Amino acid sequence: MVEALILLVGLLLGVALAFAVRRGSDEKRPSGRRILFPYVGSHLSISALDAALRIAHIEDATLVPAYLAPVPMTLPLQAPIPSSCEAAFELQEAIEQRAAAAHVPVDGRIGRGRTVRHALRQLLAEEPYDRIVVAAATAHTDGLSAGDVSDSRARGRRLRRPCPSARCPTTSSTASATAR
């Protein structure tokens, strides 16, 4: 009787171990690719976040949501800013919940700078990203202006590879040469 019980327990443990190993191998591992999702203010653009999550899911990438916190000139750049961080943590929690539902890994950041542009430049200078998904400012959501993004891209953005949607406009001479 005791031998049968030991055999049954061993069998159950073997089956449980097999399921655990199988489930662990089915989970997707991040590919090392990183998608930067900078955000500002106290409201998120859900459509921009969903777009970033879809891209990250398809590319097996890690989403890097980064709250851009402007630091007043009267304070040192590394000074704590509790009012900004409170909003950032609430939004970060919402992003992480949506990312978990989409099965996308998250690596959150808080970018600091004298302005939103400066904070974005600081983030881009610290590490490379494969893509950047930016929410535009609208009447209903906070976001970045075209100047914030174009200024940062012009000053040495650090993308691992060029983004296909960020093509330079062609001149008439290059357009005629490519049409041949």
Protein backbone atom coordinates (compact mmCIF):
# COMPACT_ATOMS: atom_id res chain seq x y z
CA MET A 1 0.00 0.00 0.00
CA VAL A 2 2.78 2.42 0.94
CA GLU A 3 4.69 1.51 -2.21
CA ALA A 4 1.65 2.27 -4.37
CA LEU A 5 1.20 5.64 -2.62
CA ILE A 6 4.88 6.54 -3.19
CA LEU A 7 4.57 5.50 -6.84
CA LEU A 8 1.43 7.64 -7.25
CA VAL A 9 3.06 10.70 -5.63
CA GLY A 10 6.15 10.25 -7.84
CA LEU A 11 3.97 9.98 -10.93
CA LEU A 12 2.04 13.13 -10.01
CA LEU A 13 5.25 15.06 -9.40
CA GLY A 14 6.62 13.90 -12.75
CA VAL A 15 3.48 15.04 -14.58
CA ALA A 16 3.53 18.41 -12.77
CA LEU A 17 7.20 18.89 -13.66
CA ALA A 18 6.52 18.03 -17.31
CA PHE A 19 3.72 20.62 -17.47
CA ALA A 20 5.92 23.26 -15.83
CA VAL A 21 8.77 22.65 -18.28
CA ARG A 22 6.40 22.69 -21.25
CA ARG A 23 4.68 25.89 -20.13
CA GLY A 24 8.06 27.60 -19.59
CA SER A 25 9.22 26.71 -23.11
CA ASP A 26 5.99 28.03 -24.69
CA GLU A 27 6.40 31.50 -23.19
CA LYS A 28 7.90 34.00 -25.58
CA ARG A 29 11.19 35.48 -24.54
CA PRO A 30 11.88 39.13 -25.41
CA SER A 31 14.08 39.41 -28.48
CA GLY A 32 16.25 42.17 -27.03
CA ARG A 33 14.42 44.74 -29.12
CA ARG A 34 13.21 47.84 -27.29
CA ILE A 35 10.42 50.24 -28.16
CA LEU A 36 10.46 53.63 -26.45
CA PHE A 37 7.04 55.07 -25.56
CA PRO A 38 7.60 58.56 -24.09
CA TYR A 39 4.63 60.22 -22.39
CA VAL A 40 3.92 63.44 -20.51
CA GLY A 41 1.16 64.94 -18.39
CA SER A 42 -1.58 63.13 -16.55
CA HIS A 43 -3.53 61.52 -19.42
CA LEU A 44 -2.44 58.80 -21.83
CA SER A 45 -3.30 58.42 -25.48
CA ILE A 46 -4.83 54.94 -25.37
CA SER A 47 -4.63 54.59 -29.16
CA ALA A 48 -0.88 55.37 -29.16
CA LEU A 49 -0.31 52.98 -26.24
CA ASP A 50 -2.28 50.23 -27.97
CA ALA A 51 -0.27 50.79 -31.17
CA ALA A 52 3.00 50.54 -29.22
CA LEU A 53 1.79 47.36 -27.51
CA ARG A 54 0.74 45.78 -30.83
CA ILE A 55 4.14 46.55 -32.36
CA ALA A 56 5.96 45.23 -29.28
CA HIS A 57 3.87 42.05 -29.29
CA ILE A 58 4.49 41.40 -33.00
CA GLU A 59 8.23 42.09 -32.72
CA ASP A 60 8.63 40.26 -29.37
CA ALA A 61 10.06 43.52 -28.05
CA THR A 62 10.14 45.12 -24.63
CA LEU A 63 8.06 48.28 -24.25
CA VAL A 64 9.97 51.06 -22.51
CA PRO A 65 7.39 53.58 -21.29
CA ALA A 66 9.20 56.72 -20.21
CA TYR A 67 7.57 59.57 -18.33
CA LEU A 68 9.24 62.83 -19.35
CA ALA A 69 9.51 65.01 -16.25
CA PRO A 70 10.60 68.62 -16.63
CA VAL A 71 12.72 69.83 -13.71
CA PRO A 72 12.57 73.57 -12.90
CA MET A 73 15.78 75.53 -13.35
CA THR A 74 15.73 76.41 -9.65
CA LEU A 75 16.30 72.76 -8.72
CA PRO A 76 19.20 70.43 -9.48
CA LEU A 77 18.43 68.02 -12.34
CA GLN A 78 18.45 65.01 -9.98
CA ALA A 79 16.19 66.64 -7.35
CA PRO A 80 13.04 64.71 -6.39
CA ILE A 81 9.85 66.03 -7.97
CA PRO A 82 7.00 64.40 -6.00
CA SER A 83 4.16 66.09 -7.89
CA SER A 84 5.39 64.82 -11.27
CA CYS A 85 6.26 61.38 -9.99
CA GLU A 86 2.79 60.82 -8.51
CA ALA A 87 1.18 61.22 -11.94
CA ALA A 88 3.96 59.16 -13.54
CA PHE A 89 3.43 56.20 -11.20
CA GLU A 90 -0.34 56.16 -11.81
CA LEU A 91 0.16 56.17 -15.58
CA GLN A 92 2.99 53.63 -15.35
CA GLU A 93 0.68 51.28 -13.44
CA ALA A 94 -1.99 51.62 -16.14
CA ILE A 95 0.59 50.95 -18.87
CA GLU A 96 1.90 47.87 -17.06
CA GLN A 97 -1.61 46.46 -16.65
CA ARG A 98 -2.38 46.88 -20.36
CA ALA A 99 1.01 45.43 -21.28
CA ALA A 100 0.46 42.41 -19.03
CA ALA A 101 -2.88 41.77 -20.75
CA ALA A 102 -1.10 41.97 -24.13
CA HIS A 103 1.77 39.71 -22.89
CA VAL A 104 4.38 42.41 -23.51
CA PRO A 105 7.34 42.90 -21.13
CA VAL A 106 7.79 46.40 -19.71
CA ASP A 107 10.88 48.29 -18.56
CA GLY A 108 9.69 51.68 -17.26
CA ARG A 109 11.74 54.85 -17.00
CA ILE A 110 11.44 58.42 -15.83
CA GLY A 111 13.32 60.83 -18.05
CA ARG A 112 14.41 64.10 -16.45
CA GLY A 113 15.31 67.30 -18.18
CA ARG A 114 14.85 71.04 -18.08
CA THR A 115 12.14 70.70 -20.73
CA VAL A 116 10.28 67.80 -22.28
CA ARG A 117 12.64 68.00 -25.27
CA HIS A 118 15.67 67.88 -23.01
CA ALA A 119 14.27 64.88 -21.10
CA LEU A 120 13.65 63.02 -24.37
CA ARG A 121 17.16 63.84 -25.59
CA GLN A 122 18.60 62.56 -22.30
CA LEU A 123 16.74 59.23 -22.72
CA LEU A 124 17.90 58.83 -26.30
CA ALA A 125 21.49 59.58 -25.28
CA GLU A 126 21.48 56.94 -22.52
CA GLU A 127 20.63 53.84 -24.54
CA PRO A 128 19.57 52.76 -28.04
CA TYR A 129 16.00 51.86 -29.01
CA ASP A 130 14.69 50.03 -32.05
CA ARG A 131 11.57 52.16 -32.42
CA ILE A 132 9.94 55.18 -30.85
CA VAL A 133 6.15 55.43 -30.64
CA VAL A 134 5.05 58.95 -29.72
CA ALA A 135 1.59 60.20 -28.80
CA ALA A 136 0.78 63.59 -30.29
CA ALA A 137 -0.76 66.26 -28.09
CA THR A 138 -4.50 66.66 -28.68
CA ALA A 139 -7.31 68.55 -27.00
CA HIS A 140 -8.13 65.47 -24.89
CA THR A 141 -4.73 63.91 -24.18
CA ASP A 142 -1.29 65.08 -23.26
CA GLY A 143 1.45 64.32 -25.73
CA LEU A 144 4.49 65.64 -27.50
CA SER A 145 4.55 68.37 -30.10
CA ALA A 146 6.17 67.95 -33.49
CA GLY A 147 8.98 70.25 -32.34
CA ASP A 148 9.73 68.06 -29.32
CA VAL A 149 10.23 65.01 -31.50
CA SER A 150 11.92 66.57 -34.51
CA ASP A 151 14.39 68.42 -32.29
CA SER A 152 15.34 65.17 -30.53
CA ARG A 153 15.67 63.24 -33.79
CA ALA A 154 17.84 65.96 -35.32
CA ARG A 155 20.24 65.85 -32.36
CA GLY A 156 21.46 62.31 -32.72
CA ARG A 157 18.66 59.92 -31.93
CA ARG A 158 19.95 56.52 -31.03
CA LEU A 159 17.92 53.96 -32.90
CA ARG A 160 19.53 50.60 -33.52
CA ARG A 161 18.23 50.68 -37.07
CA PRO A 162 16.40 53.32 -39.07
CA CYS A 163 12.64 53.28 -38.75
CA PRO A 164 10.92 52.66 -42.09
CA SER A 165 8.30 55.31 -41.32
CA ALA A 166 10.97 58.00 -40.81
CA ARG A 167 12.17 58.48 -44.38
CA CYS A 168 13.82 61.61 -45.60
CA PRO A 169 11.95 63.47 -48.32
CA THR A 170 13.40 62.87 -51.75
CA THR A 171 14.55 65.63 -54.04
CA SER A 172 13.50 65.72 -57.66
CA SER A 173 16.91 64.42 -58.81
CA THR A 174 16.83 61.38 -56.54
CA ALA A 175 13.17 60.75 -57.31
CA SER A 176 13.87 60.70 -61.06
CA ALA A 177 16.91 58.46 -60.54
CA THR A 178 14.91 55.92 -58.53
CA ALA A 179 12.05 55.96 -61.03
CA ARG A 180 14.31 54.67 -63.82
